[in-house]
Full PDB file with SEQRES, HELIX, SHEET, SSBOND, CRYST1, ORIGX, SCALE, CONECT and MASTER records, all heavy atoms in Angstrom:
SEQRES   1 A   32  PHE ALA ALA GLU SER MET PHE HIS ARG GLU ARG ASP ALA          
SEQRES   2 A   32  SER LYS VAL ALA LEU TYR HIS LEU VAL LYS HIS LEU ASN          
SEQRES   3 A   32  ASP ARG GLY TYR GLN LEU                                      
HELIX    1 AA1 ALA A   13  ARG A   28  1                                  16    
CRYST1    1.000    1.000    1.000  90.00  90.00  90.00 P 1           1          
ORIGX1      1.000000  0.000000  0.000000        0.00000                         
ORIGX2      0.000000  1.000000  0.000000        0.00000                         
ORIGX3      0.000000  0.000000  1.000000        0.00000                         
SCALE1      1.000000  0.000000  0.000000        0.00000                         
SCALE2      0.000000  1.000000  0.000000        0.00000                         
SCALE3      0.000000  0.000000  1.000000        0.00000                         
ATOM      1  N   PHE A   1     -38.410 104.446 340.908  1.00  0.00           N  
ATOM      2  CA  PHE A   1     -37.555 105.562 340.970  1.00  0.00           C  
ATOM      3  C   PHE A   1     -37.014 105.725 339.512  1.00  0.00           C  
ATOM      4  O   PHE A   1     -36.398 104.832 338.973  1.00  0.00           O  
ATOM      5  CB  PHE A   1     -36.363 105.448 341.970  1.00  0.00           C  
ATOM      6  CG  PHE A   1     -35.595 106.660 342.113  1.00  0.00           C  
ATOM      7  CD1 PHE A   1     -35.944 107.575 343.163  1.00  0.00           C  
ATOM      8  CD2 PHE A   1     -34.520 107.006 341.295  1.00  0.00           C  
ATOM      9  CE1 PHE A   1     -35.250 108.819 343.317  1.00  0.00           C  
ATOM     10  CE2 PHE A   1     -33.839 108.210 341.453  1.00  0.00           C  
ATOM     11  CZ  PHE A   1     -34.228 109.067 342.459  1.00  0.00           C  
ATOM     12  N   ALA A   2     -37.271 106.887 338.941  1.00  0.00           N  
ATOM     13  CA  ALA A   2     -36.808 107.181 337.529  1.00  0.00           C  
ATOM     14  C   ALA A   2     -35.588 108.070 337.674  1.00  0.00           C  
ATOM     15  O   ALA A   2     -35.701 109.287 337.953  1.00  0.00           O  
ATOM     16  CB  ALA A   2     -37.895 107.881 336.806  1.00  0.00           C  
ATOM     17  N   ALA A   3     -34.403 107.533 337.540  1.00  0.00           N  
ATOM     18  CA  ALA A   3     -33.166 108.321 337.633  1.00  0.00           C  
ATOM     19  C   ALA A   3     -33.027 109.144 336.356  1.00  0.00           C  
ATOM     20  O   ALA A   3     -33.103 108.654 335.224  1.00  0.00           O  
ATOM     21  CB  ALA A   3     -32.004 107.386 337.776  1.00  0.00           C  
ATOM     22  N   GLU A   4     -32.793 110.425 336.536  1.00  0.00           N  
ATOM     23  CA  GLU A   4     -32.775 111.395 335.395  1.00  0.00           C  
ATOM     24  C   GLU A   4     -31.329 111.722 334.937  1.00  0.00           C  
ATOM     25  O   GLU A   4     -31.121 111.733 333.769  1.00  0.00           O  
ATOM     26  CB  GLU A   4     -33.499 112.654 335.858  1.00  0.00           C  
ATOM     27  CG  GLU A   4     -34.978 112.532 335.937  1.00  0.00           C  
ATOM     28  CD  GLU A   4     -35.606 112.296 334.593  1.00  0.00           C  
ATOM     29  OE1 GLU A   4     -35.409 113.024 333.685  1.00  0.00           O  
ATOM     30  OE2 GLU A   4     -36.369 111.317 334.477  1.00  0.00           O  
ATOM     31  N   SER A   5     -30.474 112.050 335.805  1.00  0.00           N  
ATOM     32  CA  SER A   5     -29.117 112.444 335.370  1.00  0.00           C  
ATOM     33  C   SER A   5     -28.201 112.389 336.632  1.00  0.00           C  
ATOM     34  O   SER A   5     -28.661 112.410 337.733  1.00  0.00           O  
ATOM     35  CB  SER A   5     -29.155 113.877 334.745  1.00  0.00           C  
ATOM     36  OG  SER A   5     -27.884 114.171 334.212  1.00  0.00           O  
ATOM     37  N   MET A   6     -26.889 112.373 336.302  1.00  0.00           N  
ATOM     38  CA  MET A   6     -25.892 112.454 337.389  1.00  0.00           C  
ATOM     39  C   MET A   6     -24.681 113.233 336.843  1.00  0.00           C  
ATOM     40  O   MET A   6     -24.555 113.471 335.711  1.00  0.00           O  
ATOM     41  CB  MET A   6     -25.535 111.040 337.844  1.00  0.00           C  
ATOM     42  CG  MET A   6     -24.968 110.122 336.820  1.00  0.00           C  
ATOM     43  SD  MET A   6     -24.727 108.437 337.499  1.00  0.00           S  
ATOM     44  CE  MET A   6     -23.996 107.630 336.098  1.00  0.00           C  
ATOM     45  N   PHE A   7     -23.860 113.625 337.826  1.00  0.00           N  
ATOM     46  CA  PHE A   7     -22.716 114.452 337.459  1.00  0.00           C  
ATOM     47  C   PHE A   7     -21.562 114.159 338.441  1.00  0.00           C  
ATOM     48  O   PHE A   7     -21.762 113.645 339.581  1.00  0.00           O  
ATOM     49  CB  PHE A   7     -22.977 115.950 337.468  1.00  0.00           C  
ATOM     50  CG  PHE A   7     -22.914 116.603 338.775  1.00  0.00           C  
ATOM     51  CD1 PHE A   7     -21.840 117.320 339.206  1.00  0.00           C  
ATOM     52  CD2 PHE A   7     -23.989 116.457 339.713  1.00  0.00           C  
ATOM     53  CE1 PHE A   7     -21.823 117.893 340.468  1.00  0.00           C  
ATOM     54  CE2 PHE A   7     -23.936 117.018 340.933  1.00  0.00           C  
ATOM     55  CZ  PHE A   7     -22.881 117.816 341.294  1.00  0.00           C  
ATOM     56  N   HIS A   8     -20.363 114.515 338.061  1.00  0.00           N  
ATOM     57  CA  HIS A   8     -19.277 114.385 338.972  1.00  0.00           C  
ATOM     58  C   HIS A   8     -18.212 115.519 338.754  1.00  0.00           C  
ATOM     59  O   HIS A   8     -18.070 116.027 337.636  1.00  0.00           O  
ATOM     60  CB  HIS A   8     -18.497 113.003 338.781  1.00  0.00           C  
ATOM     61  CG  HIS A   8     -17.856 112.883 337.417  1.00  0.00           C  
ATOM     62  ND1 HIS A   8     -18.570 112.501 336.324  1.00  0.00           N  
ATOM     63  CD2 HIS A   8     -16.603 113.104 336.981  1.00  0.00           C  
ATOM     64  CE1 HIS A   8     -17.724 112.478 335.240  1.00  0.00           C  
ATOM     65  NE2 HIS A   8     -16.543 112.839 335.611  1.00  0.00           N  
ATOM     66  N   ARG A   9     -17.670 115.951 339.835  1.00  0.00           N  
ATOM     67  CA  ARG A   9     -16.500 116.918 339.773  1.00  0.00           C  
ATOM     68  C   ARG A   9     -15.203 116.297 340.218  1.00  0.00           C  
ATOM     69  O   ARG A   9     -14.176 116.952 340.165  1.00  0.00           O  
ATOM     70  CB  ARG A   9     -16.821 118.120 340.583  1.00  0.00           C  
ATOM     71  CG  ARG A   9     -18.021 118.894 340.036  1.00  0.00           C  
ATOM     72  CD  ARG A   9     -18.357 120.166 340.811  1.00  0.00           C  
ATOM     73  NE  ARG A   9     -19.496 120.897 340.208  1.00  0.00           N  
ATOM     74  CZ  ARG A   9     -20.553 121.339 340.846  1.00  0.00           C  
ATOM     75  NH1 ARG A   9     -20.627 121.148 342.182  1.00  0.00           N  
ATOM     76  NH2 ARG A   9     -21.485 121.998 340.219  1.00  0.00           N  
ATOM     77  N   GLU A  10     -15.273 115.034 340.691  1.00  0.00           N  
ATOM     78  CA  GLU A  10     -14.092 114.262 341.001  1.00  0.00           C  
ATOM     79  C   GLU A  10     -14.383 112.858 340.526  1.00  0.00           C  
ATOM     80  O   GLU A  10     -15.515 112.390 340.471  1.00  0.00           O  
ATOM     81  CB  GLU A  10     -13.833 114.206 342.491  1.00  0.00           C  
ATOM     82  CG  GLU A  10     -13.285 115.532 343.067  1.00  0.00           C  
ATOM     83  CD  GLU A  10     -12.720 115.359 344.457  1.00  0.00           C  
ATOM     84  OE1 GLU A  10     -12.384 114.229 344.897  1.00  0.00           O  
ATOM     85  OE2 GLU A  10     -12.643 116.354 345.187  1.00  0.00           O  
ATOM     86  N   ARG A  11     -13.308 112.200 340.152  1.00  0.00           N  
ATOM     87  CA  ARG A  11     -13.430 110.843 339.593  1.00  0.00           C  
ATOM     88  C   ARG A  11     -14.290 109.935 340.569  1.00  0.00           C  
ATOM     89  O   ARG A  11     -14.053 109.901 341.763  1.00  0.00           O  
ATOM     90  CB  ARG A  11     -12.029 110.231 339.411  1.00  0.00           C  
ATOM     91  CG  ARG A  11     -12.067 108.900 338.737  1.00  0.00           C  
ATOM     92  CD  ARG A  11     -10.658 108.406 338.463  1.00  0.00           C  
ATOM     93  NE  ARG A  11     -10.665 107.120 337.749  1.00  0.00           N  
ATOM     94  CZ  ARG A  11      -9.496 106.510 337.417  1.00  0.00           C  
ATOM     95  NH1 ARG A  11      -8.335 107.029 337.703  1.00  0.00           N  
ATOM     96  NH2 ARG A  11      -9.578 105.334 336.747  1.00  0.00           N  
ATOM     97  N   ASP A  12     -15.197 109.203 339.922  1.00  0.00           N  
ATOM     98  CA  ASP A  12     -15.996 108.206 340.582  1.00  0.00           C  
ATOM     99  C   ASP A  12     -17.144 108.791 341.452  1.00  0.00           C  
ATOM    100  O   ASP A  12     -17.893 108.048 342.035  1.00  0.00           O  
ATOM    101  CB  ASP A  12     -15.201 107.258 341.419  1.00  0.00           C  
ATOM    102  CG  ASP A  12     -14.344 106.305 340.612  1.00  0.00           C  
ATOM    103  OD1 ASP A  12     -14.671 106.061 339.439  1.00  0.00           O  
ATOM    104  OD2 ASP A  12     -13.307 105.844 341.090  1.00  0.00           O  
ATOM    105  N   ALA A  13     -17.148 110.105 341.601  1.00  0.00           N  
ATOM    106  CA  ALA A  13     -18.223 110.700 342.470  1.00  0.00           C  
ATOM    107  C   ALA A  13     -19.614 110.358 342.082  1.00  0.00           C  
ATOM    108  O   ALA A  13     -20.483 110.098 342.909  1.00  0.00           O  
ATOM    109  CB  ALA A  13     -18.024 112.189 342.630  1.00  0.00           C  
ATOM    110  N   SER A  14     -19.902 110.362 340.767  1.00  0.00           N  
ATOM    111  CA  SER A  14     -21.285 110.013 340.346  1.00  0.00           C  
ATOM    112  C   SER A  14     -21.603 108.588 340.624  1.00  0.00           C  
ATOM    113  O   SER A  14     -22.721 108.162 340.894  1.00  0.00           O  
ATOM    114  CB  SER A  14     -21.477 110.397 338.890  1.00  0.00           C  
ATOM    115  OG  SER A  14     -20.562 109.689 338.064  1.00  0.00           O  
ATOM    116  N   LYS A  15     -20.560 107.710 340.402  1.00  0.00           N  
ATOM    117  CA  LYS A  15     -20.781 106.290 340.638  1.00  0.00           C  
ATOM    118  C   LYS A  15     -21.008 105.988 342.155  1.00  0.00           C  
ATOM    119  O   LYS A  15     -21.811 105.162 342.564  1.00  0.00           O  
ATOM    120  CB  LYS A  15     -19.580 105.444 340.210  1.00  0.00           C  
ATOM    121  CG  LYS A  15     -19.377 105.526 338.654  1.00  0.00           C  
ATOM    122  CD  LYS A  15     -18.181 104.703 338.248  1.00  0.00           C  
ATOM    123  CE  LYS A  15     -17.914 104.797 336.713  1.00  0.00           C  
ATOM    124  NZ  LYS A  15     -16.717 104.064 336.337  1.00  0.00           N  
ATOM    125  N   VAL A  16     -20.336 106.784 342.988  1.00  0.00           N  
ATOM    126  CA  VAL A  16     -20.536 106.662 344.450  1.00  0.00           C  
ATOM    127  C   VAL A  16     -21.982 107.043 344.760  1.00  0.00           C  
ATOM    128  O   VAL A  16     -22.684 106.416 345.520  1.00  0.00           O  
ATOM    129  CB  VAL A  16     -19.577 107.541 345.253  1.00  0.00           C  
ATOM    130  CG1 VAL A  16     -20.010 107.619 346.688  1.00  0.00           C  
ATOM    131  CG2 VAL A  16     -18.182 106.966 345.072  1.00  0.00           C  
ATOM    132  N   ALA A  17     -22.455 108.110 344.093  1.00  0.00           N  
ATOM    133  CA  ALA A  17     -23.878 108.531 344.333  1.00  0.00           C  
ATOM    134  C   ALA A  17     -24.831 107.427 343.850  1.00  0.00           C  
ATOM    135  O   ALA A  17     -25.757 107.153 344.557  1.00  0.00           O  
ATOM    136  CB  ALA A  17     -24.112 109.825 343.563  1.00  0.00           C  
ATOM    137  N   LEU A  18     -24.558 106.860 342.676  1.00  0.00           N  
ATOM    138  CA  LEU A  18     -25.398 105.793 342.201  1.00  0.00           C  
ATOM    139  C   LEU A  18     -25.373 104.524 343.048  1.00  0.00           C  
ATOM    140  O   LEU A  18     -26.415 103.937 343.386  1.00  0.00           O  
ATOM    141  CB  LEU A  18     -24.991 105.395 340.757  1.00  0.00           C  
ATOM    142  CG  LEU A  18     -25.892 104.450 340.093  1.00  0.00           C  
ATOM    143  CD1 LEU A  18     -27.364 104.948 339.907  1.00  0.00           C  
ATOM    144  CD2 LEU A  18     -25.361 104.065 338.616  1.00  0.00           C  
ATOM    145  N   TYR A  19     -24.227 104.182 343.561  1.00  0.00           N  
ATOM    146  CA  TYR A  19     -24.044 103.054 344.498  1.00  0.00           C  
ATOM    147  C   TYR A  19     -24.971 103.238 345.635  1.00  0.00           C  
ATOM    148  O   TYR A  19     -25.748 102.362 346.124  1.00  0.00           O  
ATOM    149  CB  TYR A  19     -22.645 102.954 344.916  1.00  0.00           C  
ATOM    150  CG  TYR A  19     -22.365 101.893 346.062  1.00  0.00           C  
ATOM    151  CD1 TYR A  19     -22.081 100.591 345.786  1.00  0.00           C  
ATOM    152  CD2 TYR A  19     -22.535 102.302 347.388  1.00  0.00           C  
ATOM    153  CE1 TYR A  19     -21.923  99.649 346.780  1.00  0.00           C  
ATOM    154  CE2 TYR A  19     -22.313 101.352 348.434  1.00  0.00           C  
ATOM    155  CZ  TYR A  19     -22.025 100.085 348.127  1.00  0.00           C  
ATOM    156  OH  TYR A  19     -21.841  99.126 349.114  1.00  0.00           O  
ATOM    157  N   HIS A  20     -24.910 104.467 346.301  1.00  0.00           N  
ATOM    158  CA  HIS A  20     -25.705 104.733 347.495  1.00  0.00           C  
ATOM    159  C   HIS A  20     -27.228 104.827 347.120  1.00  0.00           C  
ATOM    160  O   HIS A  20     -28.095 104.524 347.957  1.00  0.00           O  
ATOM    161  CB  HIS A  20     -25.202 106.017 348.185  1.00  0.00           C  
ATOM    162  CG  HIS A  20     -24.003 105.776 348.959  1.00  0.00           C  
ATOM    163  ND1 HIS A  20     -23.995 105.234 350.240  1.00  0.00           N  
ATOM    164  CD2 HIS A  20     -22.698 106.020 348.676  1.00  0.00           C  
ATOM    165  CE1 HIS A  20     -22.741 105.119 350.680  1.00  0.00           C  
ATOM    166  NE2 HIS A  20     -21.934 105.572 349.737  1.00  0.00           N  
ATOM    167  N   LEU A  21     -27.544 105.346 345.905  1.00  0.00           N  
ATOM    168  CA  LEU A  21     -28.945 105.320 345.520  1.00  0.00           C  
ATOM    169  C   LEU A  21     -29.502 103.930 345.449  1.00  0.00           C  
ATOM    170  O   LEU A  21     -30.565 103.654 346.018  1.00  0.00           O  
ATOM    171  CB  LEU A  21     -29.056 106.046 344.129  1.00  0.00           C  
ATOM    172  CG  LEU A  21     -30.496 105.968 343.547  1.00  0.00           C  
ATOM    173  CD1 LEU A  21     -31.515 106.690 344.357  1.00  0.00           C  
ATOM    174  CD2 LEU A  21     -30.448 106.535 342.123  1.00  0.00           C  
ATOM    175  N   VAL A  22     -28.772 103.026 344.737  1.00  0.00           N  
ATOM    176  CA  VAL A  22     -29.255 101.648 344.664  1.00  0.00           C  
ATOM    177  C   VAL A  22     -29.462 101.005 346.053  1.00  0.00           C  
ATOM    178  O   VAL A  22     -30.436 100.348 346.314  1.00  0.00           O  
ATOM    179  CB  VAL A  22     -28.274 100.810 343.795  1.00  0.00           C  
ATOM    180  CG1 VAL A  22     -28.716  99.306 343.839  1.00  0.00           C  
ATOM    181  CG2 VAL A  22     -28.360 101.306 342.337  1.00  0.00           C  
ATOM    182  N   LYS A  23     -28.439 101.251 346.900  1.00  0.00           N  
ATOM    183  CA  LYS A  23     -28.555 100.667 348.265  1.00  0.00           C  
ATOM    184  C   LYS A  23     -29.770 101.220 349.008  1.00  0.00           C  
ATOM    185  O   LYS A  23     -30.533 100.526 349.640  1.00  0.00           O  
ATOM    186  CB  LYS A  23     -27.302 100.972 349.077  1.00  0.00           C  
ATOM    187  CG  LYS A  23     -27.288 100.387 350.468  1.00  0.00           C  
ATOM    188  CD  LYS A  23     -26.028 100.704 351.229  1.00  0.00           C  
ATOM    189  CE  LYS A  23     -25.957 100.005 352.598  1.00  0.00           C  
ATOM    190  NZ  LYS A  23     -27.170 100.378 353.458  1.00  0.00           N  
ATOM    191  N   HIS A  24     -30.007 102.546 348.903  1.00  0.00           N  
ATOM    192  CA  HIS A  24     -31.150 103.224 349.543  1.00  0.00           C  
ATOM    193  C   HIS A  24     -32.415 102.668 348.996  1.00  0.00           C  
ATOM    194  O   HIS A  24     -33.364 102.403 349.780  1.00  0.00           O  
ATOM    195  CB  HIS A  24     -30.993 104.706 349.311  1.00  0.00           C  
ATOM    196  CG  HIS A  24     -32.035 105.532 350.065  1.00  0.00           C  
ATOM    197  ND1 HIS A  24     -32.020 105.780 351.396  1.00  0.00           N  
ATOM    198  CD2 HIS A  24     -33.207 106.109 349.613  1.00  0.00           C  
ATOM    199  CE1 HIS A  24     -33.056 106.468 351.696  1.00  0.00           C  
ATOM    200  NE2 HIS A  24     -33.748 106.720 350.667  1.00  0.00           N  
ATOM    201  N   LEU A  25     -32.527 102.518 347.682  1.00  0.00           N  
ATOM    202  CA  LEU A  25     -33.781 102.018 347.094  1.00  0.00           C  
ATOM    203  C   LEU A  25     -34.099 100.621 347.520  1.00  0.00           C  
ATOM    204  O   LEU A  25     -35.240 100.261 347.868  1.00  0.00           O  
ATOM    205  CB  LEU A  25     -33.707 102.091 345.575  1.00  0.00           C  
ATOM    206  CG  LEU A  25     -33.586 103.503 344.972  1.00  0.00           C  
ATOM    207  CD1 LEU A  25     -33.505 103.369 343.392  1.00  0.00           C  
ATOM    208  CD2 LEU A  25     -34.720 104.401 345.379  1.00  0.00           C  
ATOM    209  N   ASN A  26     -33.105  99.763 347.628  1.00  0.00           N  
ATOM    210  CA  ASN A  26     -33.292  98.397 348.170  1.00  0.00           C  
ATOM    211  C   ASN A  26     -33.677  98.492 349.621  1.00  0.00           C  
ATOM    212  O   ASN A  26     -34.659  97.682 350.016  1.00  0.00           O  
ATOM    213  CB  ASN A  26     -31.953  97.630 347.976  1.00  0.00           C  
ATOM    214  CG  ASN A  26     -31.820  96.971 346.631  1.00  0.00           C  
ATOM    215  OD1 ASN A  26     -32.709  96.282 346.169  1.00  0.00           O  
ATOM    216  ND2 ASN A  26     -30.739  97.271 345.990  1.00  0.00           N  
ATOM    217  N   ASP A  27     -33.094  99.315 350.404  1.00  0.00           N  
ATOM    218  CA  ASP A  27     -33.429  99.387 351.832  1.00  0.00           C  
ATOM    219  C   ASP A  27     -34.894  99.878 351.999  1.00  0.00           C  
ATOM    220  O   ASP A  27     -35.577  99.478 352.962  1.00  0.00           O  
ATOM    221  CB  ASP A  27     -32.530 100.347 352.543  1.00  0.00           C  
ATOM    222  CG  ASP A  27     -31.100  99.750 352.712  1.00  0.00           C  
ATOM    223  OD1 ASP A  27     -30.909  98.611 352.519  1.00  0.00           O  
ATOM    224  OD2 ASP A  27     -30.155 100.585 353.036  1.00  0.00           O  
ATOM    225  N   ARG A  28     -35.370 100.753 351.097  1.00  0.00           N  
ATOM    226  CA  ARG A  28     -36.746 101.312 351.212  1.00  0.00           C  
ATOM    227  C   ARG A  28     -37.863 100.515 350.595  1.00  0.00           C  
ATOM    228  O   ARG A  28     -38.981 100.803 350.687  1.00  0.00           O  
ATOM    229  CB  ARG A  28     -36.711 102.762 350.636  1.00  0.00           C  
ATOM    230  CG  ARG A  28     -35.724 103.705 351.277  1.00  0.00           C  
ATOM    231  CD  ARG A  28     -35.984 104.075 352.688  1.00  0.00           C  
ATOM    232  NE  ARG A  28     -37.237 104.749 352.871  1.00  0.00           N  
ATOM    233  CZ  ARG A  28     -37.650 105.333 354.047  1.00  0.00           C  
ATOM    234  NH1 ARG A  28     -36.816 105.243 355.070  1.00  0.00           N  
ATOM    235  NH2 ARG A  28     -38.780 105.945 354.140  1.00  0.00           N  
ATOM    236  N   GLY A  29     -37.422  99.480 349.817  1.00  0.00           N  
ATOM    237  CA  GLY A  29     -38.420  98.591 349.245  1.00  0.00           C  
ATOM    238  C   GLY A  29     -38.899  98.971 347.845  1.00  0.00           C  
ATOM    239  O   GLY A  29     -39.945  98.507 347.398  1.00  0.00           O  
ATOM    240  N   TYR A  30     -38.023  99.721 347.126  1.00  0.00           N  
ATOM    241  CA  TYR A  30     -38.362 100.061 345.764  1.00  0.00           C  
ATOM    242  C   TYR A  30     -38.257  98.813 344.862  1.00  0.00           C  
ATOM    243  O   TYR A  30     -37.525  97.883 345.198  1.00  0.00           O  
ATOM    244  CB  TYR A  30     -37.469 101.154 345.223  1.00  0.00           C  
ATOM    245  CG  TYR A  30     -37.858 102.564 345.647  1.00  0.00           C  
ATOM    246  CD1 TYR A  30     -37.614 103.030 346.945  1.00  0.00           C  
ATOM    247  CD2 TYR A  30     -38.549 103.345 344.769  1.00  0.00           C  
ATOM    248  CE1 TYR A  30     -37.956 104.225 347.379  1.00  0.00           C  
ATOM    249  CE2 TYR A  30     -39.001 104.660 345.245  1.00  0.00           C  
ATOM    250  CZ  TYR A  30     -38.625 105.050 346.474  1.00  0.00           C  
ATOM    251  OH  TYR A  30     -39.055 106.294 346.918  1.00  0.00           O  
ATOM    252  N   GLN A  31     -39.027  98.772 343.739  1.00  0.00           N  
ATOM    253  CA  GLN A  31     -39.029  97.638 342.844  1.00  0.00           C  
ATOM    254  C   GLN A  31     -38.508  97.888 341.489  1.00  0.00           C  
ATOM    255  O   GLN A  31     -38.180  96.937 340.787  1.00  0.00           O  
ATOM    256  CB  GLN A  31     -40.488  97.176 342.788  1.00  0.00           C  
ATOM    257  CG  GLN A  31     -41.097  96.693 344.102  1.00  0.00           C  
ATOM    258  CD  GLN A  31     -40.366  95.514 344.691  1.00  0.00           C  
ATOM    259  OE1 GLN A  31     -40.221  94.475 344.036  1.00  0.00           O  
ATOM    260  NE2 GLN A  31     -40.019  95.636 345.936  1.00  0.00           N  
ATOM    261  N   LEU A  32     -38.456  99.162 341.089  1.00  0.00           N  
ATOM    262  CA  LEU A  32     -38.095  99.433 339.699  1.00  0.00           C  
ATOM    263  C   LEU A  32     -37.261 100.695 339.590  1.00  0.00           C  
ATOM    264  O   LEU A  32     -37.598 101.740 340.074  1.00  0.00           O  
ATOM    265  CB  LEU A  32     -39.360  99.620 338.888  1.00  0.00           C  
ATOM    266  CG  LEU A  32     -39.261  99.915 337.380  1.00  0.00           C  
ATOM    267  CD1 LEU A  32     -38.566  98.714 336.672  1.00  0.00           C  
ATOM    268  CD2 LEU A  32     -40.666 100.087 336.721  1.00  0.00           C  
TER     269      LEU A  32                                                      
MASTER        0    0    0    1    0    0    0    6  268    1    0    3          
END                                                                             
């Protein structure tokens, strides 16, 4: 998974997105 960019309109919203992305990638078996 090649992460390209992220944004937020409220504090920490992009970090919340990244947190869930990492969890999702681990759950789906991604390696990189």
